[in-house]
PDB file of N, CA and C in Angstrom:
ATOM      1  N   MET A   1    -137.528  14.955  39.949  1.00  0.00           N
ATOM      2  CA  MET A   1    -138.867  14.653  39.498  1.00  0.00           C
ATOM      3  C   MET A   1    -139.107  15.351  38.165  1.00  0.00           C
ATOM      4  N   SER A   2    -139.859  14.741  37.308  1.00  0.00           N
ATOM      5  CA  SER A   2    -140.142  15.351  36.013  1.00  0.00           C
ATOM      6  C   SER A   2    -141.586  15.815  35.958  1.00  0.00           C
ATOM      7  N   LYS A   3    -141.864  16.662  35.006  1.00  0.00           N
ATOM      8  CA  LYS A   3    -143.220  17.158  34.844  1.00  0.00           C
ATOM      9  C   LYS A   3    -143.736  16.744  33.466  1.00  0.00           C
ATOM     10  N   MET A   4    -145.022  16.727  33.292  1.00  0.00           N
ATOM     11  CA  MET A   4    -145.643  16.356  32.025  1.00  0.00           C
ATOM     12  C   MET A   4    -146.087  17.615  31.305  1.00  0.00           C
ATOM     13  N   ASN A   5    -145.730  17.716  30.041  1.00  0.00           N
ATOM     14  CA  ASN A   5    -146.120  18.851  29.224  1.00  0.00           C
ATOM     15  C   ASN A   5    -147.114  18.359  28.185  1.00  0.00           C
ATOM     16  N   MET A   6    -148.312  18.891  28.184  1.00  0.00           N
ATOM     17  CA  MET A   6    -149.356  18.425  27.275  1.00  0.00           C
ATOM     18  C   MET A   6    -149.318  19.134  25.926  1.00  0.00           C
ATOM     19  N   ALA A   7    -148.463  20.134  25.748  1.00  0.00           N
ATOM     20  CA  ALA A   7    -148.404  20.875  24.491  1.00  0.00           C
ATOM     21  C   ALA A   7    -147.626  20.084  23.449  1.00  0.00           C
ATOM     22  N   THR A   8    -148.009  20.238  22.190  1.00  0.00           N
ATOM     23  CA  THR A   8    -147.321  19.573  21.095  1.00  0.00           C
ATOM     24  C   THR A   8    -146.186  20.457  20.600  1.00  0.00           C
ATOM     25  N   PRO A   9    -144.941  19.968  20.580  1.00  0.00           N
ATOM     26  CA  PRO A   9    -143.828  20.813  20.168  1.00  0.00           C
ATOM     27  C   PRO A   9    -143.611  20.861  18.651  1.00  0.00           C
ATOM     28  N   PHE A  10    -144.538  20.301  17.877  1.00  0.00           N
ATOM     29  CA  PHE A  10    -144.371  20.270  16.427  1.00  0.00           C
ATOM     30  C   PHE A  10    -145.067  21.458  15.782  1.00  0.00           C
ATOM     31  N   ASP A  11    -144.454  22.051  14.764  1.00  0.00           N
ATOM     32  CA  ASP A  11    -145.075  23.147  14.032  1.00  0.00           C
ATOM     33  C   ASP A  11    -146.195  22.633  13.131  1.00  0.00           C
ATOM     34  N   SER A  12    -146.032  21.442  12.590  1.00  0.00           N
ATOM     35  CA  SER A  12    -147.065  20.855  11.739  1.00  0.00           C
ATOM     36  C   SER A  12    -147.069  19.349  11.952  1.00  0.00           C
ATOM     37  N   ASN A  13    -148.163  18.713  11.602  1.00  0.00           N
ATOM     38  CA  ASN A  13    -148.177  17.258  11.745  1.00  0.00           C
ATOM     39  C   ASN A  13    -148.017  16.617  10.372  1.00  0.00           C
ATOM     40  N   ASN A  14    -147.530  15.398  10.367  1.00  0.00           N
ATOM     41  CA  ASN A  14    -147.289  14.700   9.118  1.00  0.00           C
ATOM     42  C   ASN A  14    -148.238  13.536   8.917  1.00  0.00           C
ATOM     43  N   GLY A  15    -149.356  13.517   9.621  1.00  0.00           N
ATOM     44  CA  GLY A  15    -150.343  12.463   9.461  1.00  0.00           C
ATOM     45  C   GLY A  15    -150.093  11.251  10.320  1.00  0.00           C
ATOM     46  N   LYS A  16    -149.124  11.313  11.220  1.00  0.00           N
ATOM     47  CA  LYS A  16    -148.816  10.166  12.060  1.00  0.00           C
ATOM     48  C   LYS A  16    -149.727  10.091  13.285  1.00  0.00           C
ATOM     49  N   TYR A  17    -150.398  11.163  13.601  1.00  0.00           N
ATOM     50  CA  TYR A  17    -151.333  11.130  14.710  1.00  0.00           C
ATOM     51  C   TYR A  17    -152.560  11.952  14.344  1.00  0.00           C
ATOM     52  N   ALA A  18    -153.662  11.681  15.028  1.00  0.00           N
ATOM     53  CA  ALA A  18    -154.926  12.339  14.725  1.00  0.00           C
ATOM     54  C   ALA A  18    -155.317  13.250  15.886  1.00  0.00           C
ATOM     55  N   ARG A  19    -156.363  14.047  15.698  1.00  0.00           N
ATOM     56  CA  ARG A  19    -156.810  14.948  16.753  1.00  0.00           C
ATOM     57  C   ARG A  19    -157.326  14.197  17.975  1.00  0.00           C
ATOM     58  N   THR A  20    -157.763  12.949  17.798  1.00  0.00           N
ATOM     59  CA  THR A  20    -158.286  12.192  18.933  1.00  0.00           C
ATOM     60  C   THR A  20    -157.180  11.596  19.789  1.00  0.00           C
ATOM     61  N   ASP A  21    -155.928  11.622  19.312  1.00  0.00           N
ATOM     62  CA  ASP A  21    -154.813  11.084  20.075  1.00  0.00           C
ATOM     63  C   ASP A  21    -154.424  12.029  21.202  1.00  0.00           C
ATOM     64  N   GLN A  22    -153.918  11.450  22.264  1.00  0.00           N
ATOM     65  CA  GLN A  22    -153.359  12.239  23.350  1.00  0.00           C
ATOM     66  C   GLN A  22    -151.859  12.005  23.337  1.00  0.00           C
ATOM     67  N   ILE A  23    -151.086  13.065  23.258  1.00  0.00           N
ATOM     68  CA  ILE A  23    -149.639  12.958  23.185  1.00  0.00           C
ATOM     69  C   ILE A  23    -149.053  13.549  24.457  1.00  0.00           C
ATOM     70  N   TYR A  24    -148.245  12.755  25.151  1.00  0.00           N
ATOM     71  CA  TYR A  24    -147.627  13.195  26.399  1.00  0.00           C
ATOM     72  C   TYR A  24    -146.121  13.262  26.192  1.00  0.00           C
ATOM     73  N   PHE A  25    -145.513  14.334  26.627  1.00  0.00           N
ATOM     74  CA  PHE A  25    -144.073  14.513  26.545  1.00  0.00           C
ATOM     75  C   PHE A  25    -143.523  14.608  27.953  1.00  0.00           C
ATOM     76  N   LYS A  26    -142.507  13.823  28.243  1.00  0.00           N
ATOM     77  CA  LYS A  26    -141.857  13.892  29.541  1.00  0.00           C
ATOM     78  C   LYS A  26    -140.651  14.812  29.403  1.00  0.00           C
ATOM     79  N   ILE A  27    -140.606  15.836  30.235  1.00  0.00           N
ATOM     80  CA  ILE A  27    -139.566  16.859  30.158  1.00  0.00           C
ATOM     81  C   ILE A  27    -138.679  16.749  31.397  1.00  0.00           C
ATOM     82  N   ARG A  28    -137.355  16.717  31.187  1.00  0.00           N
ATOM     83  CA  ARG A  28    -136.435  16.735  32.327  1.00  0.00           C
ATOM     84  C   ARG A  28    -136.468  18.099  32.975  1.00  0.00           C
ATOM     85  N   LYS A  29    -136.456  18.122  34.296  1.00  0.00           N
ATOM     86  CA  LYS A  29    -136.623  19.373  35.025  1.00  0.00           C
ATOM     87  C   LYS A  29    -135.396  20.276  34.928  1.00  0.00           C
ATOM     88  N   PHE A  30    -134.177  19.712  34.973  1.00  0.00           N
ATOM     89  CA  PHE A  30    -133.003  20.568  35.060  1.00  0.00           C
ATOM     90  C   PHE A  30    -132.590  21.187  33.730  1.00  0.00           C
ATOM     91  N   ASP A  31    -132.942  20.578  32.587  1.00  0.00           N
ATOM     92  CA  ASP A  31    -132.525  21.179  31.318  1.00  0.00           C
ATOM     93  C   ASP A  31    -133.674  21.336  30.322  1.00  0.00           C
ATOM     94  N   GLU A  32    -134.892  21.021  30.750  1.00  0.00           N
ATOM     95  CA  GLU A  32    -136.097  21.191  29.929  1.00  0.00           C
ATOM     96  C   GLU A  32    -136.011  20.439  28.599  1.00  0.00           C
ATOM     97  N   GLN A  33    -135.363  19.277  28.596  1.00  0.00           N
ATOM     98  CA  GLN A  33    -135.240  18.492  27.372  1.00  0.00           C
ATOM     99  C   GLN A  33    -136.263  17.364  27.373  1.00  0.00           C
ATOM    100  N   THR A  34    -136.860  17.099  26.210  1.00  0.00           N
ATOM    101  CA  THR A  34    -137.828  16.022  26.070  1.00  0.00           C
ATOM    102  C   THR A  34    -137.099  14.691  26.123  1.00  0.00           C
ATOM    103  N   ILE A  35    -137.498  13.821  27.044  1.00  0.00           N
ATOM    104  CA  ILE A  35    -136.840  12.530  27.157  1.00  0.00           C
ATOM    105  C   ILE A  35    -137.774  11.374  26.837  1.00  0.00           C
ATOM    106  N   GLY A  36    -139.053  11.621  26.693  1.00  0.00           N
ATOM    107  CA  GLY A  36    -139.968  10.534  26.377  1.00  0.00           C
ATOM    108  C   GLY A  36    -141.238  11.049  25.761  1.00  0.00           C
ATOM    109  N   VAL A  37    -141.766  10.314  24.827  1.00  0.00           N
ATOM    110  CA  VAL A  37    -143.017  10.679  24.169  1.00  0.00           C
ATOM    111  C   VAL A  37    -143.919   9.457  24.219  1.00  0.00           C
ATOM    112  N   ARG A  38    -145.168   9.677  24.576  1.00  0.00           N
ATOM    113  CA  ARG A  38    -146.127   8.580  24.597  1.00  0.00           C
ATOM    114  C   ARG A  38    -147.353   9.025  23.825  1.00  0.00           C
ATOM    115  N   LEU A  39    -147.747   8.231  22.870  1.00  0.00           N
ATOM    116  CA  LEU A  39    -148.928   8.509  22.061  1.00  0.00           C
ATOM    117  C   LEU A  39    -150.029   7.570  22.516  1.00  0.00           C
ATOM    118  N   LYS A  40    -151.130   8.130  22.933  1.00  0.00           N
ATOM    119  CA  LYS A  40    -152.238   7.314  23.421  1.00  0.00           C
ATOM    120  C   LYS A  40    -153.432   7.537  22.511  1.00  0.00           C
ATOM    121  N   HIS A  41    -153.760   6.531  21.750  1.00  0.00           N
ATOM    122  CA  HIS A  41    -154.895   6.594  20.843  1.00  0.00           C
ATOM    123  C   HIS A  41    -156.082   5.917  21.512  1.00  0.00           C
ATOM    124  N   PRO A  42    -157.289   6.439  21.326  1.00  0.00           N
ATOM    125  CA  PRO A  42    -158.450   5.825  21.977  1.00  0.00           C
ATOM    126  C   PRO A  42    -158.643   4.352  21.631  1.00  0.00           C
ATOM    127  N   ALA A  43    -158.263   3.941  20.427  1.00  0.00           N
ATOM    128  CA  ALA A  43    -158.445   2.550  20.024  1.00  0.00           C
ATOM    129  C   ALA A  43    -157.482   1.610  20.737  1.00  0.00           C
ATOM    130  N   THR A  44    -156.395   2.128  21.326  1.00  0.00           N
ATOM    131  CA  THR A  44    -155.420   1.269  21.990  1.00  0.00           C
ATOM    132  C   THR A  44    -155.827   0.892  23.408  1.00  0.00           C
ATOM    133  N   ASN A  45    -156.975   1.351  23.859  1.00  0.00           N
ATOM    134  CA  ASN A  45    -157.444   0.995  25.195  1.00  0.00           C
ATOM    135  C   ASN A  45    -158.072  -0.390  25.228  1.00  0.00           C
ATOM    136  N   GLU A  46    -158.224  -1.024  24.061  1.00  0.00           N
ATOM    137  CA  GLU A  46    -158.808  -2.359  24.010  1.00  0.00           C
ATOM    138  C   GLU A  46    -157.776  -3.386  24.466  1.00  0.00           C
ATOM    139  N   PRO A  47    -158.238  -4.482  25.091  1.00  0.00           N
ATOM    140  CA  PRO A  47    -157.283  -5.524  25.480  1.00  0.00           C
ATOM    141  C   PRO A  47    -156.728  -6.227  24.241  1.00  0.00           C
ATOM    142  N   PRO A  48    -155.567  -6.864  24.354  1.00  0.00           N
ATOM    143  CA  PRO A  48    -154.997  -7.542  23.184  1.00  0.00           C
ATOM    144  C   PRO A  48    -155.873  -8.701  22.729  1.00  0.00           C
ATOM    145  N   SER A  49    -155.883  -8.919  21.423  1.00  0.00           N
ATOM    146  CA  SER A  49    -156.679 -10.012  20.861  1.00  0.00           C
ATOM    147  C   SER A  49    -155.992 -11.341  21.157  1.00  0.00           C
ATOM    148  N   ALA A  50    -156.668 -12.428  20.825  1.00  0.00           N
ATOM    149  CA  ALA A  50    -156.109 -13.763  21.059  1.00  0.00           C
ATOM    150  C   ALA A  50    -154.844 -13.966  20.227  1.00  0.00           C
ATOM    151  N   ALA A  51    -154.836 -13.469  19.002  1.00  0.00           N
ATOM    152  CA  ALA A  51    -153.655 -13.606  18.145  1.00  0.00           C
ATOM    153  C   ALA A  51    -152.475 -12.806  18.708  1.00  0.00           C
ATOM    154  N   GLN A  52    -152.759 -11.603  19.241  1.00  0.00           N
ATOM    155  CA  GLN A  52    -151.696 -10.792  19.829  1.00  0.00           C
ATOM    156  C   GLN A  52    -151.141 -11.455  21.087  1.00  0.00           C
ATOM    157  N   GLN A  53    -152.024 -12.033  21.911  1.00  0.00           N
ATOM    158  CA  GLN A  53    -151.567 -12.724  23.118  1.00  0.00           C
ATOM    159  C   GLN A  53    -150.734 -13.946  22.757  1.00  0.00           C
ATOM    160  N   ALA A  54    -151.131 -14.664  21.688  1.00  0.00           N
ATOM    161  CA  ALA A  54    -150.361 -15.829  21.250  1.00  0.00           C
ATOM    162  C   ALA A  54    -148.977 -15.414  20.765  1.00  0.00           C
ATOM    163  N   ALA A  55    -148.907 -14.300  20.029  1.00  0.00           N
ATOM    164  CA  ALA A  55    -147.615 -13.809  19.539  1.00  0.00           C
ATOM    165  C   ALA A  55    -146.731 -13.360  20.703  1.00  0.00           C
ATOM    166  N   GLN A  56    -147.324 -12.702  21.714  1.00  0.00           N
ATOM    167  CA  GLN A  56    -146.552 -12.281  22.887  1.00  0.00           C
ATOM    168  C   GLN A  56    -146.007 -13.482  23.644  1.00  0.00           C
ATOM    169  N   THR A  57    -146.838 -14.503  23.814  1.00  0.00           N
ATOM    170  CA  THR A  57    -146.415 -15.717  24.509  1.00  0.00           C
ATOM    171  C   THR A  57    -145.294 -16.403  23.745  1.00  0.00           C
ATOM    172  N   LYS A  58    -145.439 -16.457  22.420  1.00  0.00           N
ATOM    173  CA  LYS A  58    -144.415 -17.083  21.578  1.00  0.00           C
ATOM    174  C   LYS A  58    -143.098 -16.309  21.660  1.00  0.00           C
ATOM    175  N   LEU A  59    -143.164 -14.985  21.702  1.00  0.00           N
ATOM    176  CA  LEU A  59    -141.960 -14.164  21.798  1.00  0.00           C
ATOM    177  C   LEU A  59    -141.260 -14.352  23.144  1.00  0.00           C
ATOM    178  N   VAL A  60    -142.023 -14.417  24.213  1.00  0.00           N
ATOM    179  CA  VAL A  60    -141.444 -14.631  25.545  1.00  0.00           C
ATOM    180  C   VAL A  60    -140.751 -15.996  25.598  1.00  0.00           C
ATOM    181  N   ALA A  61    -141.399 -17.019  25.023  1.00  0.00           N
ATOM    182  CA  ALA A  61    -140.798 -18.358  25.000  1.00  0.00           C
ATOM    183  C   ALA A  61    -139.528 -18.369  24.154  1.00  0.00           C
ATOM    184  N   ALA A  62    -139.553 -17.683  23.019  1.00  0.00           N
ATOM    185  CA  ALA A  62    -138.375 -17.627  22.150  1.00  0.00           C
ATOM    186  C   ALA A  62    -137.222 -16.903  22.835  1.00  0.00           C
ATOM    187  N   ALA A  63    -137.517 -15.827  23.555  1.00  0.00           N
ATOM    188  CA  ALA A  63    -136.470 -15.094  24.277  1.00  0.00           C
ATOM    189  C   ALA A  63    -135.869 -15.962  25.378  1.00  0.00           C
ATOM    190  N   ALA A  64    -136.701 -16.720  26.075  1.00  0.00           N
ATOM    191  CA  ALA A  64    -136.192 -17.597  27.130  1.00  0.00           C
ATOM    192  C   ALA A  64    -135.313 -18.698  26.535  1.00  0.00           C
ATOM    193  N   ARG A  65    -135.748 -19.280  25.413  1.00  0.00           N
ATOM    194  CA  ARG A  65    -134.952 -20.318  24.753  1.00  0.00           C
ATOM    195  C   ARG A  65    -133.641 -19.740  24.237  1.00  0.00           C
ATOM    196  N   ALA A  66    -133.664 -18.514  23.729  1.00  0.00           N
ATOM    197  CA  ALA A  66    -132.442 -17.891  23.209  1.00  0.00           C
ATOM    198  C   ALA A  66    -131.446 -17.646  24.334  1.00  0.00           C
ATOM    199  N   LYS A  67    -131.919 -17.158  25.471  1.00  0.00           N
ATOM    200  CA  LYS A  67    -131.019 -16.908  26.596  1.00  0.00           C
ATOM    201  C   LYS A  67    -130.428 -18.213  27.130  1.00  0.00           C
ATOM    202  N   THR A  68    -131.243 -19.272  27.143  1.00  0.00           N
ATOM    203  CA  THR A  68    -130.745 -20.574  27.575  1.00  0.00           C
ATOM    204  C   THR A  68    -129.696 -21.093  26.604  1.00  0.00           C
ATOM    205  N   ALA A  69    -129.946 -20.942  25.307  1.00  0.00           N
ATOM    206  CA  ALA A  69    -129.000 -21.411  24.291  1.00  0.00           C
ATOM    207  C   ALA A  69    -127.694 -20.623  24.352  1.00  0.00           C
ATOM    208  N   LEU A  70    -127.771 -19.329  24.610  1.00  0.00           N
ATOM    209  CA  LEU A  70    -126.558 -18.516  24.676  1.00  0.00           C
ATOM    210  C   LEU A  70    -125.750 -18.787  25.948  1.00  0.00           C
ATOM    211  N   ALA A  71    -126.385 -19.378  26.952  1.00  0.00           N
ATOM    212  CA  ALA A  71    -125.663 -19.734  28.167  1.00  0.00           C
ATOM    213  C   ALA A  71    -124.836 -21.005  27.955  1.00  0.00           C
ATOM    214  N   ASP A  72    -125.236 -21.845  27.002  1.00  0.00           N
ATOM    215  CA  ASP A  72    -124.510 -23.073  26.677  1.00  0.00           C
ATOM    216  C   ASP A  72    -123.427 -22.749  25.650  1.00  0.00           C
ATOM    217  N   ALA A  73    -122.196 -23.115  25.939  1.00  0.00           N
ATOM    218  CA  ALA A  73    -121.062 -22.742  25.083  1.00  0.00           C
ATOM    219  C   ALA A  73    -121.165 -23.367  23.694  1.00  0.00           C
ATOM    220  N   GLU A  74    -121.599 -24.612  23.620  1.00  0.00           N
ATOM    221  CA  GLU A  74    -121.684 -25.306  22.321  1.00  0.00           C
ATOM    222  C   GLU A  74    -122.746 -24.671  21.423  1.00  0.00           C
ATOM    223  N   GLN A  75    -123.921 -24.428  21.986  1.00  0.00           N
ATOM    224  CA  GLN A  75    -124.987 -23.804  21.200  1.00  0.00           C
ATOM    225  C   GLN A  75    -124.641 -22.368  20.845  1.00  0.00           C
ATOM    226  N   LYS A  76    -123.959 -21.678  21.745  1.00  0.00           N
ATOM    227  CA  LYS A  76    -123.571 -20.299  21.472  1.00  0.00           C
ATOM    228  C   LYS A  76    -122.595 -20.235  20.300  1.00  0.00           C
ATOM    229  N   ALA A  77    -121.658 -21.186  20.236  1.00  0.00           N
ATOM    230  CA  ALA A  77    -120.702 -21.209  19.128  1.00  0.00           C
ATOM    231  C   ALA A  77    -121.414 -21.455  17.799  1.00  0.00           C
ATOM    232  N   THR A  78    -122.394 -22.355  17.789  1.00  0.00           N
ATOM    233  CA  THR A  78    -123.162 -22.630  16.572  1.00  0.00           C
ATOM    234  C   THR A  78    -123.960 -21.400  16.145  1.00  0.00           C
ATOM    235  N   LEU A  79    -124.633 -20.778  17.110  1.00  0.00           N
ATOM    236  CA  LEU A  79    -125.417 -19.581  16.806  1.00  0.00           C
ATOM    237  C   LEU A  79    -124.533 -18.431  16.337  1.00  0.00           C
ATOM    238  N   LYS A  80    -123.358 -18.310  16.941  1.00  0.00           N
ATOM    239  CA  LYS A  80    -122.458 -17.217  16.579  1.00  0.00           C
ATOM    240  C   LYS A  80    -121.953 -17.376  15.147  1.00  0.00           C
ATOM    241  N   ALA A  81    -121.676 -18.621  14.729  1.00  0.00           N
ATOM    242  CA  ALA A  81    -121.232 -18.865  13.356  1.00  0.00           C
ATOM    243  C   ALA A  81    -122.345 -18.524  12.362  1.00  0.00           C
ATOM    244  N   GLU A  82    -123.587 -18.911  12.686  1.00  0.00           N
ATOM    245  CA  GLU A  82    -124.727 -18.586  11.814  1.00  0.00           C
ATOM    246  C   GLU A  82    -124.974 -17.084  11.790  1.00  0.00           C
ATOM    247  N   TRP A  83    -124.834 -16.428  12.945  1.00  0.00           N
ATOM    248  CA  TRP A  83    -125.064 -14.984  13.045  1.00  0.00           C
ATOM    249  C   TRP A  83    -124.053 -14.202  12.215  1.00  0.00           C
ATOM    250  N   LYS A  84    -122.791 -14.647  12.237  1.00  0.00           N
ATOM    251  CA  LYS A  84    -121.768 -13.942  11.478  1.00  0.00           C
ATOM    252  C   LYS A  84    -121.951 -14.107   9.974  1.00  0.00           C
ATOM    253  N   ALA A  85    -122.661 -15.167   9.556  1.00  0.00           N
ATOM    254  CA  ALA A  85    -122.882 -15.408   8.127  1.00  0.00           C
ATOM    255  C   ALA A  85    -123.999 -14.534   7.558  1.00  0.00           C
ATOM    256  N   GLN A  86    -124.811 -13.939   8.409  1.00  0.00           N
ATOM    257  CA  GLN A  86    -125.922 -13.099   7.944  1.00  0.00           C
ATOM    258  C   GLN A  86    -125.637 -11.637   8.263  1.00  0.00           C
ATOM    259  N   LYS A  87    -126.420 -10.744   7.682  1.00  0.00           N
ATOM    260  CA  LYS A  87    -126.204  -9.305   7.884  1.00  0.00           C
ATOM    261  C   LYS A  87    -127.431  -8.569   8.422  1.00  0.00           C
ATOM    262  N   LYS A  88    -128.553  -9.259   8.586  1.00  0.00           N
ATOM    263  CA  LYS A  88    -129.801  -8.589   8.960  1.00  0.00           C
ATOM    264  C   LYS A  88    -129.836  -8.195  10.439  1.00  0.00           C
ATOM    265  N   TYR A  89    -129.411  -9.075  11.325  1.00  0.00           N
ATOM    266  CA  TYR A  89    -129.520  -8.845  12.764  1.00  0.00           C
ATOM    267  C   TYR A  89    -128.200  -8.332  13.312  1.00  0.00           C
ATOM    268  N   LYS A  90    -128.255  -7.260  14.084  1.00  0.00           N
ATOM    269  CA  LYS A  90    -127.055  -6.587  14.577  1.00  0.00           C
ATOM    270  C   LYS A  90    -126.447  -7.266  15.804  1.00  0.00           C
ATOM    271  N   THR A  91    -127.288  -7.936  16.612  1.00  0.00           N
ATOM    272  CA  THR A  91    -126.772  -8.579  17.824  1.00  0.00           C
ATOM    273  C   THR A  91    -127.051 -10.073  17.781  1.00  0.00           C
ATOM    274  N   LEU A  92    -126.234 -10.809  18.495  1.00  0.00           N
ATOM    275  CA  LEU A  92    -126.398 -12.258  18.556  1.00  0.00           C
ATOM    276  C   LEU A  92    -127.712 -12.630  19.244  1.00  0.00           C
ATOM    277  N   LEU A  93    -128.085 -11.886  20.276  1.00  0.00           N
ATOM    278  CA  LEU A  93    -129.334 -12.173  20.981  1.00  0.00           C
ATOM    279  C   LEU A  93    -130.540 -11.965  20.076  1.00  0.00           C
ATOM    280  N   SER A  94    -130.556 -10.877  19.300  1.00  0.00           N
ATOM    281  CA  SER A  94    -131.701 -10.649  18.413  1.00  0.00           C
ATOM    282  C   SER A  94    -131.781 -11.728  17.334  1.00  0.00           C
ATOM    283  N   TYR A  95    -130.630 -12.199  16.846  1.00  0.00           N
ATOM    284  CA  TYR A  95    -130.640 -13.289  15.862  1.00  0.00           C
ATOM    285  C   TYR A  95    -131.173 -14.574  16.489  1.00  0.00           C
ATOM    286  N   ALA A  96    -130.731 -14.870  17.717  1.00  0.00           N
ATOM    287  CA  ALA A  96    -131.179 -16.090  18.390  1.00  0.00           C
ATOM    288  C   ALA A  96    -132.684 -16.043  18.666  1.00  0.00           C
ATOM    289  N   ILE A  97    -133.192 -14.902  19.094  1.00  0.00           N
ATOM    290  CA  ILE A  97    -134.633 -14.781  19.339  1.00  0.00           C
ATOM    291  C   ILE A  97    -135.398 -14.987  18.039  1.00  0.00           C
ATOM    292  N   HIS A  98    -134.925 -14.392  16.950  1.00  0.00           N
ATOM    293  CA  HIS A  98    -135.574 -14.575  15.649  1.00  0.00           C
ATOM    294  C   HIS A  98    -135.578 -16.047  15.251  1.00  0.00           C
ATOM    295  N   LYS A  99    -134.453 -16.690  15.431  1.00  0.00           N
ATOM    296  CA  LYS A  99    -134.345 -18.093  15.040  1.00  0.00           C
ATOM    297  C   LYS A  99    -135.307 -18.960  15.850  1.00  0.00           C
ATOM    298  N   PHE A 100    -135.356 -18.771  17.159  1.00  0.00           N
ATOM    299  CA  PHE A 100    -136.233 -19.585  17.996  1.00  0.00           C
ATOM    300  C   PHE A 100    -137.697 -19.186  17.854  1.00  0.00           C
ATOM    301  N   TYR A 101    -137.976 -17.953  17.491  1.00  0.00           N
ATOM    302  CA  TYR A 101    -139.360 -17.526  17.265  1.00  0.00           C
ATOM    303  C   TYR A 101    -139.928 -18.211  16.024  1.00  0.00           C
ATOM    304  N   ASN A 102    -139.090 -18.405  15.008  1.00  0.00           N
ATOM    305  CA  ASN A 102    -139.559 -18.978  13.746  1.00  0.00           C
ATOM    306  C   ASN A 102    -139.453 -20.488  13.697  1.00  0.00           C
ATOM    307  N   THR A 103    -138.978 -21.137  14.762  1.00  0.00           N
ATOM    308  CA  THR A 103    -138.963 -22.598  14.803  1.00  0.00           C
ATOM    309  C   THR A 103    -140.171 -23.072  15.578  1.00  0.00           C
ATOM    310  N   ASN A 104    -140.479 -24.357  15.427  1.00  0.00           N
ATOM    311  CA  ASN A 104    -141.645 -24.875  16.161  1.00  0.00           C
ATOM    312  C   ASN A 104    -141.345 -24.936  17.646  1.00  0.00           C
ATOM    313  N   GLU A 105    -142.376 -24.786  18.451  1.00  0.00           N
ATOM    314  CA  GLU A 105    -142.233 -24.641  19.899  1.00  0.00           C
ATOM    315  C   GLU A 105    -142.009 -25.973  20.626  1.00  0.00           C
ATOM    316  N   GLY A 106    -142.298 -27.083  20.003  1.00  0.00           N
ATOM    317  CA  GLY A 106    -142.229 -28.349  20.698  1.00  0.00           C
ATOM    318  C   GLY A 106    -140.806 -28.831  20.903  1.00  0.00           C
ATOM    319  N   GLY A 107    -140.479 -29.278  22.102  1.00  0.00           N
ATOM    320  CA  GLY A 107    -139.185 -29.884  22.386  1.00  0.00           C
ATOM    321  C   GLY A 107    -138.042 -28.895  22.397  1.00  0.00           C
ATOM    322  N   ASN A 108    -136.833 -29.451  22.492  1.00  0.00           N
ATOM    323  CA  ASN A 108    -135.629 -28.631  22.489  1.00  0.00           C
ATOM    324  C   ASN A 108    -135.080 -28.616  21.075  1.00  0.00           C
ATOM    325  N   ASN A 109    -135.441 -27.642  20.312  1.00  0.00           N
ATOM    326  CA  ASN A 109    -135.051 -27.547  18.900  1.00  0.00           C
ATOM    327  C   ASN A 109    -133.829 -26.654  18.786  1.00  0.00           C
ATOM    328  N   ASN A 110    -132.722 -27.208  18.359  1.00  0.00           N
ATOM    329  CA  ASN A 110    -131.487 -26.445  18.240  1.00  0.00           C
ATOM    330  C   ASN A 110    -131.292 -25.900  16.847  1.00  0.00           C
ATOM    331  N   GLY A 111    -132.155 -26.164  15.923  1.00  0.00           N
ATOM    332  CA  GLY A 111    -131.916 -25.719  14.567  1.00  0.00           C
ATOM    333  C   GLY A 111    -133.131 -25.315  13.869  1.00  0.00           C
TER     334      GLY A 111
END
């Protein structure tokens, strides 16, 4: 079981958080090492806006389409050739999600 430490382990702040933020650090019990940090700002308690919900829905759909495309050998070969030609995305899955996120949602769009 881990414990929560409410103290800030930083000597100084660099402007990334404000006094109104609550910072939680998860500490492993056996070696006292920080394994997780969560920053909770009062403004983040609001529900997501309509635009944020639309973007989340679009991302979930793009991820599902990417996984389906990577399961098909023919589409995977096409995506792999395009992925190897670029340098921005490190994994084939991240490239496929990007590609399907930026294409229109209607129908089965392979390109």
